Amino acid sequence: MAFDLLRPAGTDTTAWPYRRRRAALEALFTEQDLSGPWALCPSTTDPGVTVECLFWSAIGMEGLIFEQLGPVRRIM
């Protein structure tokens, strides 16, 4: 299950915002027509869907990943 795209074709995307990396990951699935055994991890901002995902551990999911969607605020 793919949930992020960090180094496509040797490009370091770790400094990209999550939304940009997610869009690139979705584009990769579309362009390459990826299907089983590949799976694109669901992405949501809906708290209800997130709660439902917590019950997926019964099928082997190990946890959830949270990404900040807006700019990172640093307090100095």
Protein backbone atom coordinates (compact mmCIF):
# COMPACT_ATOMS: atom_id res chain seq x y z
CA MET A 1 0.00 0.00 0.00
CA ALA A 2 1.48 3.33 -1.07
CA PHE A 3 0.88 6.32 1.18
CA ASP A 4 3.59 8.78 0.14
CA LEU A 5 6.05 9.48 -2.66
CA LEU A 6 9.49 10.50 -1.44
CA ARG A 7 11.95 9.97 -4.29
CA PRO A 8 10.35 9.53 -7.74
CA ALA A 9 12.93 9.14 -10.50
CA GLY A 10 15.64 10.26 -8.05
CA THR A 11 13.92 13.56 -7.15
CA ASP A 12 13.89 14.26 -3.41
CA THR A 13 10.32 15.32 -2.59
CA THR A 14 10.67 15.32 1.19
CA ALA A 15 10.61 19.14 1.31
CA TRP A 16 7.42 19.29 -0.79
CA PRO A 17 4.14 19.92 1.04
CA TYR A 18 2.04 16.78 1.56
CA ARG A 19 -0.64 17.87 -0.94
CA ARG A 20 1.97 18.15 -3.71
CA ARG A 21 3.47 14.73 -2.87
CA ARG A 22 -0.01 13.20 -2.71
CA ALA A 23 -0.92 14.66 -6.11
CA ALA A 24 2.30 13.23 -7.57
CA LEU A 25 1.54 9.83 -6.04
CA GLU A 26 -1.99 9.83 -7.44
CA ALA A 27 -0.64 10.87 -10.85
CA LEU A 28 1.86 8.01 -10.75
CA PHE A 29 -0.94 5.51 -10.09
CA THR A 30 -2.94 6.95 -12.99
CA GLU A 31 -0.03 7.24 -15.46
CA GLN A 32 1.28 3.75 -14.72
CA ASP A 33 -2.23 2.24 -14.47
CA LEU A 34 -1.19 0.62 -11.19
CA SER A 35 -3.46 -1.99 -9.71
CA GLY A 36 -3.11 -5.08 -7.49
CA PRO A 37 -0.91 -5.88 -5.77
CA TRP A 38 -0.41 -2.07 -5.61
CA ALA A 39 -2.95 -0.08 -3.63
CA LEU A 40 -3.22 3.65 -3.02
CA CYS A 41 -3.78 4.35 0.67
CA PRO A 42 -6.93 6.37 1.29
CA SER A 43 -6.45 10.01 2.18
CA THR A 44 -9.06 12.05 4.04
CA THR A 45 -9.61 15.12 6.13
CA ASP A 46 -12.95 13.78 7.40
CA PRO A 47 -12.72 12.89 11.11
CA GLY A 48 -15.49 10.28 10.72
CA VAL A 49 -13.57 8.41 8.03
CA THR A 50 -10.45 8.58 10.20
CA VAL A 51 -12.30 6.94 13.09
CA GLU A 52 -13.48 4.16 10.74
CA CYS A 53 -9.87 3.60 9.69
CA LEU A 54 -8.94 2.84 13.30
CA PHE A 55 -10.93 -0.40 12.97
CA TRP A 56 -8.86 -1.54 9.96
CA SER A 57 -6.29 -3.04 12.34
CA ALA A 58 -8.44 -6.19 12.17
CA ILE A 59 -7.28 -6.62 8.55
CA GLY A 60 -3.63 -5.99 9.28
CA MET A 61 -3.29 -2.20 9.10
CA GLU A 62 -0.70 -1.10 11.61
CA GLY A 63 -1.65 2.54 12.16
CA LEU A 64 -2.51 5.94 10.77
CA ILE A 65 -0.25 8.65 9.41
CA PHE A 66 -1.13 12.29 9.99
CA GLU A 67 0.30 15.01 7.75
CA GLN A 68 0.02 18.73 8.27
CA LEU A 69 -1.79 20.21 5.27
CA GLY A 70 -1.01 23.86 5.88
CA PRO A 71 2.30 25.63 6.29
CA VAL A 72 4.38 24.61 9.27
CA ARG A 73 4.34 27.28 11.97
CA ARG A 74 7.50 27.65 13.94
CA ILE A 75 7.65 29.51 17.22
CA MET A 76 11.03 30.92 18.12
